[in-house]
C-alpha atoms as a PDB file:
ATOM      1  CA  MET A   1     -32.708 -31.665  39.963  1.00  0.00           C
ATOM      2  CA  ALA A   2     -30.644 -34.784  40.669  1.00  0.00           C
ATOM      3  CA  ALA A   3     -26.715 -34.786  40.989  1.00  0.00           C
ATOM      4  CA  THR A   4     -25.275 -37.009  38.222  1.00  0.00           C
ATOM      5  CA  GLN A   5     -22.627 -39.069  39.498  1.00  0.00           C
ATOM      6  CA  PRO A   6     -19.339 -39.839  38.481  1.00  0.00           C
ATOM      7  CA  PRO A   7     -18.763 -43.404  36.283  1.00  0.00           C
ATOM      8  CA  ARG A   8     -16.426 -45.643  38.517  1.00  0.00           C
ATOM      9  CA  SER A   9     -13.669 -46.146  37.099  1.00  0.00           C
ATOM     10  CA  PRO A  10     -12.795 -50.091  36.535  1.00  0.00           C
ATOM     11  CA  SER A  11     -10.923 -50.421  39.867  1.00  0.00           C
ATOM     12  CA  SER A  12     -13.534 -49.737  42.434  1.00  0.00           C
ATOM     13  CA  PRO A  13     -12.988 -52.185  45.323  1.00  0.00           C
ATOM     14  CA  LYS A  14     -16.920 -52.713  44.814  1.00  0.00           C
ATOM     15  CA  GLU A  15     -16.612 -53.599  41.402  1.00  0.00           C
ATOM     16  CA  LEU A  16     -17.237 -56.857  40.248  1.00  0.00           C
ATOM     17  CA  GLU A  17     -15.199 -59.184  37.752  1.00  0.00           C
ATOM     18  CA  PRO A  18     -17.183 -60.194  34.309  1.00  0.00           C
ATOM     19  CA  ALA A  19     -17.906 -62.916  34.459  1.00  0.00           C
ATOM     20  CA  PRO A  20     -15.555 -65.258  32.101  1.00  0.00           C
ATOM     21  CA  PRO A  21     -16.176 -66.912  28.567  1.00  0.00           C
ATOM     22  CA  TRP A  22     -16.217 -70.220  30.964  1.00  0.00           C
ATOM     23  CA  GLY A  23     -17.689 -72.245  33.685  1.00  0.00           C
ATOM     24  CA  VAL A  24     -17.222 -74.660  35.818  1.00  0.00           C
ATOM     25  CA  GLY A  25     -17.527 -76.515  34.712  1.00  0.00           C
ATOM     26  CA  LEU A  26     -15.215 -75.776  32.213  1.00  0.00           C
ATOM     27  CA  ALA A  27     -12.127 -75.544  35.072  1.00  0.00           C
ATOM     28  CA  LEU A  28     -13.065 -78.567  36.475  1.00  0.00           C
ATOM     29  CA  THR A  29     -12.811 -80.643  32.982  1.00  0.00           C
ATOM     30  CA  ALA A  30      -8.679 -79.083  32.531  1.00  0.00           C
ATOM     31  CA  LEU A  31      -7.920 -79.579  35.984  1.00  0.00           C
ATOM     32  CA  VAL A  32      -9.184 -83.354  35.342  1.00  0.00           C
ATOM     33  CA  TYR A  33      -7.331 -83.344  32.635  1.00  0.00           C
ATOM     34  CA  PHE A  34      -3.923 -81.739  34.250  1.00  0.00           C
ATOM     35  CA  LEU A  35      -4.301 -85.643  36.863  1.00  0.00           C
ATOM     36  CA  MET A  36      -5.182 -87.492  33.716  1.00  0.00           C
ATOM     37  CA  ALA A  37      -2.449 -86.213  31.026  1.00  0.00           C
ATOM     38  CA  GLN A  38       0.472 -85.863  34.161  1.00  0.00           C
ATOM     39  CA  PHE A  39      -0.603 -89.526  35.162  1.00  0.00           C
ATOM     40  CA  MET A  40      -0.747 -90.743  31.469  1.00  0.00           C
ATOM     41  CA  LEU A  41       2.092 -89.132  30.209  1.00  0.00           C
ATOM     42  CA  GLY A  42       4.309 -89.851  33.477  1.00  0.00           C
ATOM     43  CA  VAL A  43       4.062 -93.575  32.698  1.00  0.00           C
ATOM     44  CA  LEU A  44       5.546 -92.718  29.085  1.00  0.00           C
ATOM     45  CA  PHE A  45       8.357 -91.357  29.993  1.00  0.00           C
ATOM     46  CA  PHE A  46       9.134 -93.722  33.407  1.00  0.00           C
ATOM     47  CA  LEU A  47       9.343 -96.606  31.022  1.00  0.00           C
ATOM     48  CA  ILE A  48      10.860 -94.961  27.773  1.00  0.00           C
ATOM     49  CA  TYR A  49      13.444 -94.752  31.109  1.00  0.00           C
ATOM     50  CA  TRP A  50      12.805 -97.884  31.975  1.00  0.00           C
ATOM     51  CA  VAL A  51      13.704 -98.990  28.683  1.00  0.00           C
ATOM     52  CA  VAL A  52      17.098 -96.068  27.499  1.00  0.00           C
ATOM     53  CA  PHE A  53      18.362 -95.742  30.732  1.00  0.00           C
ATOM     54  CA  GLU A  54      17.514 -99.204  33.538  1.00  0.00           C
ATOM     55  CA  PRO A  55      17.524-102.795  30.532  1.00  0.00           C
ATOM     56  CA  GLY A  56      16.600-104.947  33.034  1.00  0.00           C
ATOM     57  CA  GLN A  57      16.030-103.600  36.554  1.00  0.00           C
ATOM     58  CA  PRO A  58      13.203-105.250  37.923  1.00  0.00           C
ATOM     59  CA  PHE A  59      10.213-102.609  38.216  1.00  0.00           C
ATOM     60  CA  GLU A  60      10.389-101.636  41.806  1.00  0.00           C
ATOM     61  CA  THR A  61      14.306-100.082  40.774  1.00  0.00           C
ATOM     62  CA  ALA A  62      13.612 -98.941  37.824  1.00  0.00           C
ATOM     63  CA  PHE A  63      11.275 -96.820  39.183  1.00  0.00           C
ATOM     64  CA  GLN A  64      13.217 -96.101  42.076  1.00  0.00           C
ATOM     65  CA  HIS A  65      15.284 -93.972  40.654  1.00  0.00           C
ATOM     66  CA  ALA A  66      13.765 -92.020  38.887  1.00  0.00           C
ATOM     67  CA  ALA A  67      11.793 -91.216  41.229  1.00  0.00           C
ATOM     68  CA  ALA A  68      14.814 -90.291  43.034  1.00  0.00           C
ATOM     69  CA  SER A  69      16.403 -88.263  40.154  1.00  0.00           C
ATOM     70  CA  GLY A  70      15.937 -84.930  39.955  1.00  0.00           C
ATOM     71  CA  ARG A  71      17.329 -85.113  35.990  1.00  0.00           C
ATOM     72  CA  PHE A  72      14.604 -87.315  35.145  1.00  0.00           C
ATOM     73  CA  MET A  73      11.664 -85.796  37.463  1.00  0.00           C
ATOM     74  CA  GLY A  74      12.112 -82.132  37.095  1.00  0.00           C
ATOM     75  CA  LEU A  75      13.078 -82.270  33.187  1.00  0.00           C
ATOM     76  CA  ALA A  76       9.774 -85.276  32.443  1.00  0.00           C
ATOM     77  CA  ASN A  77       8.129 -83.173  34.844  1.00  0.00           C
ATOM     78  CA  GLY A  78       8.155 -80.083  32.883  1.00  0.00           C
ATOM     79  CA  LEU A  79       7.605 -81.014  29.806  1.00  0.00           C
ATOM     80  CA  ILE A  80       4.338 -83.038  31.142  1.00  0.00           C
ATOM     81  CA  TYR A  81       2.870 -79.260  31.757  1.00  0.00           C
ATOM     82  CA  LEU A  82       5.070 -77.374  29.370  1.00  0.00           C
ATOM     83  CA  PHE A  83       1.809 -80.208  27.033  1.00  0.00           C
ATOM     84  CA  ILE A  84      -1.052 -79.255  29.276  1.00  0.00           C
ATOM     85  CA  LEU A  85       0.318 -75.297  29.671  1.00  0.00           C
ATOM     86  CA  LEU A  86      -0.261 -75.432  26.281  1.00  0.00           C
ATOM     87  CA  THR A  87      -2.725 -78.033  25.496  1.00  0.00           C
ATOM     88  CA  VAL A  88      -5.155 -76.345  27.832  1.00  0.00           C
ATOM     89  CA  ILE A  89      -4.198 -72.936  25.973  1.00  0.00           C
ATOM     90  CA  ALA A  90      -4.712 -74.336  22.714  1.00  0.00           C
ATOM     91  CA  GLY A  91      -7.900 -75.767  23.648  1.00  0.00           C
ATOM     92  CA  LEU A  92      -9.006 -71.899  25.270  1.00  0.00           C
ATOM     93  CA  ARG A  93      -8.954 -70.779  22.026  1.00  0.00           C
ATOM     94  CA  LEU A  94     -10.740 -73.103  20.155  1.00  0.00           C
ATOM     95  CA  TRP A  95     -13.569 -72.615  23.482  1.00  0.00           C
ATOM     96  CA  VAL A  96     -12.834 -68.668  24.245  1.00  0.00           C
ATOM     97  CA  HIS A  97     -14.120 -66.274  21.161  1.00  0.00           C
ATOM     98  CA  LYS A  98     -12.352 -63.151  22.166  1.00  0.00           C
ATOM     99  CA  PRO A  99      -9.012 -62.186  23.379  1.00  0.00           C
ATOM    100  CA  LEU A 100      -7.348 -64.421  25.772  1.00  0.00           C
ATOM    101  CA  GLY A 101      -5.243 -62.557  28.176  1.00  0.00           C
ATOM    102  CA  PRO A 102      -8.585 -60.543  28.678  1.00  0.00           C
ATOM    103  CA  ALA A 103     -10.212 -62.858  30.015  1.00  0.00           C
ATOM    104  CA  LEU A 104      -7.780 -65.250  31.445  1.00  0.00           C
ATOM    105  CA  ARG A 105      -7.655 -61.224  32.738  1.00  0.00           C
ATOM    106  CA  LEU A 106      -3.503 -61.308  32.737  1.00  0.00           C
ATOM    107  CA  VAL A 107      -4.072 -57.338  32.678  1.00  0.00           C
ATOM    108  CA  PRO A 108      -2.243 -54.994  34.608  1.00  0.00           C
ATOM    109  CA  PRO A 109      -3.102 -55.599  38.343  1.00  0.00           C
ATOM    110  CA  VAL A 110      -4.858 -52.575  40.503  1.00  0.00           C
ATOM    111  CA  ARG A 111      -3.631 -51.665  44.041  1.00  0.00           C
ATOM    112  CA  ILE A 112      -1.065 -54.485  44.576  1.00  0.00           C
ATOM    113  CA  PRO A 113       2.355 -53.169  41.969  1.00  0.00           C
ATOM    114  CA  LEU A 114       3.221 -55.927  40.216  1.00  0.00           C
ATOM    115  CA  TRP A 115       7.398 -54.760  41.613  1.00  0.00           C
ATOM    116  CA  ALA A 116       5.784 -55.330  45.193  1.00  0.00           C
ATOM    117  CA  THR A 117       5.115 -58.867  44.556  1.00  0.00           C
ATOM    118  CA  PRO A 118       8.123 -61.381  44.916  1.00  0.00           C
ATOM    119  CA  LEU A 119       8.989 -59.139  48.660  1.00  0.00           C
ATOM    120  CA  LEU A 120       5.772 -60.715  49.465  1.00  0.00           C
ATOM    121  CA  ALA A 121       6.613 -63.815  48.117  1.00  0.00           C
ATOM    122  CA  LEU A 122       9.909 -63.562  49.642  1.00  0.00           C
ATOM    123  CA  GLY A 123       8.408 -62.669  53.441  1.00  0.00           C
ATOM    124  CA  LEU A 124       5.555 -65.665  53.464  1.00  0.00           C
ATOM    125  CA  GLY A 125       7.884 -67.687  52.315  1.00  0.00           C
ATOM    126  CA  VAL A 126      10.727 -66.817  55.421  1.00  0.00           C
ATOM    127  CA  ALA A 127       7.601 -67.047  57.331  1.00  0.00           C
ATOM    128  CA  LEU A 128       6.171 -70.517  56.547  1.00  0.00           C
ATOM    129  CA  ASP A 129       9.874 -71.546  57.283  1.00  0.00           C
ATOM    130  CA  ALA A 130       9.666 -69.739  60.406  1.00  0.00           C
ATOM    131  CA  VAL A 131       6.423 -71.431  61.993  1.00  0.00           C
ATOM    132  CA  THR A 132       7.681 -75.430  59.406  1.00  0.00           C
ATOM    133  CA  MET A 133      11.669 -74.455  62.230  1.00  0.00           C
ATOM    134  CA  ALA A 134       9.464 -73.842  65.430  1.00  0.00           C
ATOM    135  CA  LEU A 135       6.675 -77.149  65.230  1.00  0.00           C
ATOM    136  CA  GLY A 136      10.228 -78.731  65.112  1.00  0.00           C
ATOM    137  CA  ARG A 137       9.428 -79.825  61.593  1.00  0.00           C
ATOM    138  CA  PRO A 138      12.301 -80.412  58.260  1.00  0.00           C
ATOM    139  CA  VAL A 139      11.747 -77.186  56.409  1.00  0.00           C
ATOM    140  CA  ILE A 140      13.077 -79.662  53.173  1.00  0.00           C
ATOM    141  CA  PRO A 141       9.883 -82.115  53.199  1.00  0.00           C
ATOM    142  CA  GLU A 142      11.329 -85.498  52.880  1.00  0.00           C
ATOM    143  CA  THR A 143       9.795 -86.328  48.974  1.00  0.00           C
ATOM    144  CA  LEU A 144      12.387 -83.086  48.005  1.00  0.00           C
ATOM    145  CA  VAL A 145      15.319 -84.316  49.247  1.00  0.00           C
ATOM    146  CA  PRO A 146      16.490 -86.900  47.030  1.00  0.00           C
ATOM    147  CA  LEU A 147      15.924 -84.214  44.585  1.00  0.00           C
ATOM    148  CA  PHE A 148      18.415 -81.366  44.722  1.00  0.00           C
ATOM    149  CA  GLN A 149      20.596 -83.881  47.540  1.00  0.00           C
ATOM    150  CA  GLY A 150      23.935 -84.107  45.584  1.00  0.00           C
ATOM    151  CA  ARG A 151      26.088 -81.422  43.872  1.00  0.00           C
ATOM    152  CA  ASP A 152      24.280 -82.586  41.088  1.00  0.00           C
ATOM    153  CA  PRO A 153      23.819 -78.854  38.615  1.00  0.00           C
ATOM    154  CA  LEU A 154      21.995 -80.462  35.467  1.00  0.00           C
ATOM    155  CA  GLY A 155      20.063 -81.843  37.842  1.00  0.00           C
ATOM    156  CA  TRP A 156      19.458 -79.282  39.572  1.00  0.00           C
ATOM    157  CA  ALA A 157      17.957 -76.957  37.085  1.00  0.00           C
ATOM    158  CA  SER A 158      16.590 -80.142  35.547  1.00  0.00           C
ATOM    159  CA  MET A 159      14.527 -78.986  38.804  1.00  0.00           C
ATOM    160  CA  GLY A 160      13.852 -75.344  38.889  1.00  0.00           C
ATOM    161  CA  PHE A 161      13.101 -76.063  35.047  1.00  0.00           C
ATOM    162  CA  LEU A 162       9.409 -77.778  36.197  1.00  0.00           C
ATOM    163  CA  THR A 163       9.284 -75.792  39.851  1.00  0.00           C
ATOM    164  CA  ILE A 164       9.714 -72.526  38.685  1.00  0.00           C
ATOM    165  CA  VAL A 165       9.164 -71.771  34.948  1.00  0.00           C
ATOM    166  CA  ILE A 166       7.128 -73.893  33.616  1.00  0.00           C
ATOM    167  CA  GLY A 167       4.973 -75.573  37.334  1.00  0.00           C
ATOM    168  CA  PRO A 168       3.464 -71.891  38.605  1.00  0.00           C
ATOM    169  CA  PRO A 169       2.489 -70.222  35.513  1.00  0.00           C
ATOM    170  CA  THR A 170       0.748 -73.708  34.665  1.00  0.00           C
ATOM    171  CA  GLU A 171      -0.881 -74.061  37.956  1.00  0.00           C
ATOM    172  CA  GLU A 172      -2.007 -70.864  37.945  1.00  0.00           C
ATOM    173  CA  LEU A 173      -3.382 -71.346  34.470  1.00  0.00           C
ATOM    174  CA  LEU A 174      -5.580 -73.847  36.780  1.00  0.00           C
ATOM    175  CA  PHE A 175      -6.318 -73.211  39.532  1.00  0.00           C
ATOM    176  CA  ARG A 176      -6.793 -69.248  39.676  1.00  0.00           C
ATOM    177  CA  GLY A 177      -6.857 -67.882  36.263  1.00  0.00           C
ATOM    178  CA  LEU A 178      -9.412 -70.686  35.050  1.00  0.00           C
ATOM    179  CA  LEU A 179     -11.171 -72.349  38.313  1.00  0.00           C
ATOM    180  CA  TYR A 180     -11.198 -68.953  40.715  1.00  0.00           C
ATOM    181  CA  PRO A 181     -13.095 -66.282  38.037  1.00  0.00           C
ATOM    182  CA  ALA A 182     -16.417 -68.776  37.835  1.00  0.00           C
ATOM    183  CA  LEU A 183     -16.555 -69.687  41.147  1.00  0.00           C
ATOM    184  CA  ALA A 184     -16.906 -66.656  41.834  1.00  0.00           C
ATOM    185  CA  VAL A 185     -19.208 -65.881  39.556  1.00  0.00           C
ATOM    186  CA  ARG A 186     -21.143 -68.618  41.964  1.00  0.00           C
ATOM    187  CA  VAL A 187     -20.444 -68.794  45.108  1.00  0.00           C
ATOM    188  CA  GLY A 188     -18.883 -64.523  45.113  1.00  0.00           C
ATOM    189  CA  PRO A 189     -14.982 -64.261  46.212  1.00  0.00           C
ATOM    190  CA  MET A 190     -14.614 -64.639  49.496  1.00  0.00           C
ATOM    191  CA  PHE A 191     -15.484 -68.562  49.492  1.00  0.00           C
ATOM    192  CA  SER A 192     -14.169 -68.823  46.048  1.00  0.00           C
ATOM    193  CA  ILE A 193     -10.666 -67.525  47.860  1.00  0.00           C
ATOM    194  CA  TYR A 194     -11.518 -70.396  49.814  1.00  0.00           C
ATOM    195  CA  LEU A 195     -12.656 -73.636  48.126  1.00  0.00           C
ATOM    196  CA  VAL A 196     -10.173 -73.307  45.522  1.00  0.00           C
ATOM    197  CA  SER A 197      -6.918 -72.798  48.246  1.00  0.00           C
ATOM    198  CA  LEU A 198      -8.306 -76.141  49.472  1.00  0.00           C
ATOM    199  CA  ILE A 199      -8.445 -77.730  45.601  1.00  0.00           C
ATOM    200  CA  PHE A 200      -5.452 -76.295  45.390  1.00  0.00           C
ATOM    201  CA  ALA A 201      -3.621 -78.559  48.596  1.00  0.00           C
ATOM    202  CA  LEU A 202      -5.193 -81.389  47.755  1.00  0.00           C
ATOM    203  CA  PHE A 203      -2.959 -81.460  44.507  1.00  0.00           C
ATOM    204  CA  HIS A 204      -0.644 -81.440  46.192  1.00  0.00           C
ATOM    205  CA  LEU A 205      -1.035 -84.563  47.839  1.00  0.00           C
ATOM    206  CA  LEU A 206       0.728 -85.271  44.425  1.00  0.00           C
ATOM    207  CA  THR A 207       4.259 -84.299  45.637  1.00  0.00           C
ATOM    208  CA  TYR A 208       3.695 -84.834  49.679  1.00  0.00           C
ATOM    209  CA  GLY A 209       0.717 -88.075  49.568  1.00  0.00           C
ATOM    210  CA  GLY A 210       2.537 -91.015  51.886  1.00  0.00           C
ATOM    211  CA  THR A 211       4.762 -89.129  53.373  1.00  0.00           C
ATOM    212  CA  ALA A 212       5.334 -89.086  58.030  1.00  0.00           C
ATOM    213  CA  ASP A 213       4.284 -84.887  57.372  1.00  0.00           C
ATOM    214  CA  GLN A 214       1.897 -85.067  54.669  1.00  0.00           C
ATOM    215  CA  TRP A 215      -0.593 -83.205  55.884  1.00  0.00           C
ATOM    216  CA  PHE A 216       1.330 -80.638  57.691  1.00  0.00           C
ATOM    217  CA  TRP A 217       2.537 -79.584  53.804  1.00  0.00           C
ATOM    218  CA  ILE A 218      -0.965 -80.093  53.062  1.00  0.00           C
ATOM    219  CA  ALA A 219      -2.082 -77.928  55.521  1.00  0.00           C
ATOM    220  CA  GLN A 220       1.459 -75.498  53.841  1.00  0.00           C
ATOM    221  CA  ALA A 221       0.099 -75.637  50.250  1.00  0.00           C
ATOM    222  CA  PHE A 222      -3.028 -74.054  52.377  1.00  0.00           C
ATOM    223  CA  LEU A 223      -1.700 -71.306  53.380  1.00  0.00           C
ATOM    224  CA  VAL A 224      -0.491 -71.024  50.081  1.00  0.00           C
ATOM    225  CA  GLY A 225      -2.546 -70.953  48.354  1.00  0.00           C
ATOM    226  CA  LEU A 226      -4.502 -68.471  50.054  1.00  0.00           C
ATOM    227  CA  ALA A 227      -1.667 -65.512  49.938  1.00  0.00           C
ATOM    228  CA  LEU A 228      -2.416 -66.617  45.188  1.00  0.00           C
ATOM    229  CA  THR A 229      -5.668 -66.729  45.110  1.00  0.00           C
ATOM    230  CA  GLY A 230      -6.384 -63.399  47.338  1.00  0.00           C
ATOM    231  CA  LEU A 231      -4.077 -62.048  45.650  1.00  0.00           C
ATOM    232  CA  ARG A 232      -5.605 -62.910  42.817  1.00  0.00           C
ATOM    233  CA  ALA A 233      -8.764 -61.275  43.919  1.00  0.00           C
ATOM    234  CA  ARG A 234      -7.088 -58.416  45.222  1.00  0.00           C
ATOM    235  CA  THR A 235      -5.555 -57.084  42.590  1.00  0.00           C
ATOM    236  CA  ARG A 236      -7.740 -58.651  39.341  1.00  0.00           C
ATOM    237  CA  SER A 237      -5.164 -60.180  37.275  1.00  0.00           C
ATOM    238  CA  LEU A 238      -2.357 -62.915  37.056  1.00  0.00           C
ATOM    239  CA  TRP A 239      -0.170 -61.870  36.643  1.00  0.00           C
ATOM    240  CA  PRO A 240       1.117 -60.803  40.154  1.00  0.00           C
ATOM    241  CA  PRO A 241       0.543 -64.505  41.782  1.00  0.00           C
ATOM    242  CA  ILE A 242       2.350 -66.303  38.837  1.00  0.00           C
ATOM    243  CA  VAL A 243       5.541 -63.413  39.685  1.00  0.00           C
ATOM    244  CA  MET A 244       4.711 -64.547  43.718  1.00  0.00           C
ATOM    245  CA  HIS A 245       4.257 -68.449  42.883  1.00  0.00           C
ATOM    246  CA  MET A 246       7.263 -68.272  40.635  1.00  0.00           C
ATOM    247  CA  THR A 247       8.980 -66.162  43.668  1.00  0.00           C
ATOM    248  CA  LEU A 248       8.724 -68.960  46.274  1.00  0.00           C
ATOM    249  CA  ASN A 249       9.395 -71.076  44.342  1.00  0.00           C
ATOM    250  CA  LEU A 250      12.607 -69.854  43.733  1.00  0.00           C
ATOM    251  CA  TYR A 251      13.226 -69.544  47.246  1.00  0.00           C
ATOM    252  CA  ALA A 252      12.034 -72.911  47.702  1.00  0.00           C
ATOM    253  CA  THR A 253      14.346 -74.206  45.277  1.00  0.00           C
ATOM    254  CA  ILE A 254      17.736 -71.996  46.867  1.00  0.00           C
ATOM    255  CA  GLU A 255      16.874 -73.094  49.863  1.00  0.00           C
ATOM    256  CA  ALA A 256      16.716 -76.810  49.223  1.00  0.00           C
ATOM    257  CA  ILE A 257      19.907 -76.446  47.560  1.00  0.00           C
ATOM    258  CA  LEU A 258      22.199 -74.757  49.463  1.00  0.00           C
ATOM    259  CA  LEU A 259      20.560 -76.715  53.091  1.00  0.00           C
ATOM    260  CA  LEU A 260      20.466 -79.822  51.265  1.00  0.00           C
ATOM    261  CA  ASN A 261      24.568 -79.320  49.101  1.00  0.00           C
ATOM    262  CA  PHE A 262      26.461 -76.494  51.441  1.00  0.00           C
ATOM    263  CA  ARG A 263      25.421 -77.331  54.916  1.00  0.00           C
ATOM    264  CA  ALA A 264      27.935 -77.612  57.487  1.00  0.00           C
END
């Protein structure tokens, strides 16, 4: 009689994740909603800023002042991201008729402990900085300089609210929580890692577009996307990419504040 084989543990490398209770169409719809909400709410917040803080100023002048204000950009975009995060979660609760945490892989990671994730993020941040300096590029992207320049703790706090607290969970929910598992079922994990990272990088044209070095920063965003999506695939959990993304942005925020305001 043939010997029965022991059941595989859930963390077996050869075992695929269960298919998510949504498809690629829903994940892409969430990304379109992300873009539309950013645009429409961004216009609304700017109009409020223009009327309240710069009445009588020409449109171009008020827009330039708003775009260079860490206080406005951090708080406005932070609130927009928070709105998107809450509304996407609310929509998923209506769509997914099961506990949302396991469906989004908000579960303990396998293979790589969560405590090691910040260390990986710091190593990646230092490596990207080293490559940037070796290529003779500025460490701080041109579009971010006015947002961190000037000793304005309230502006720094507003930008930190966006870049560290709200931005990473929102983007990870959309790209690694919704899009990656839906694509992995269709085209396989490896191709999905590259495709999600590419889409993630192109979305950063909203941040870096229009600058002389825009494609350099898009390439960096692609590498970061590979690290985040690869970590999501490796650990089968959304927590590690959230923590890595938050740590990377914390590193970049502190770096921008120090280099732009305290370097001799």
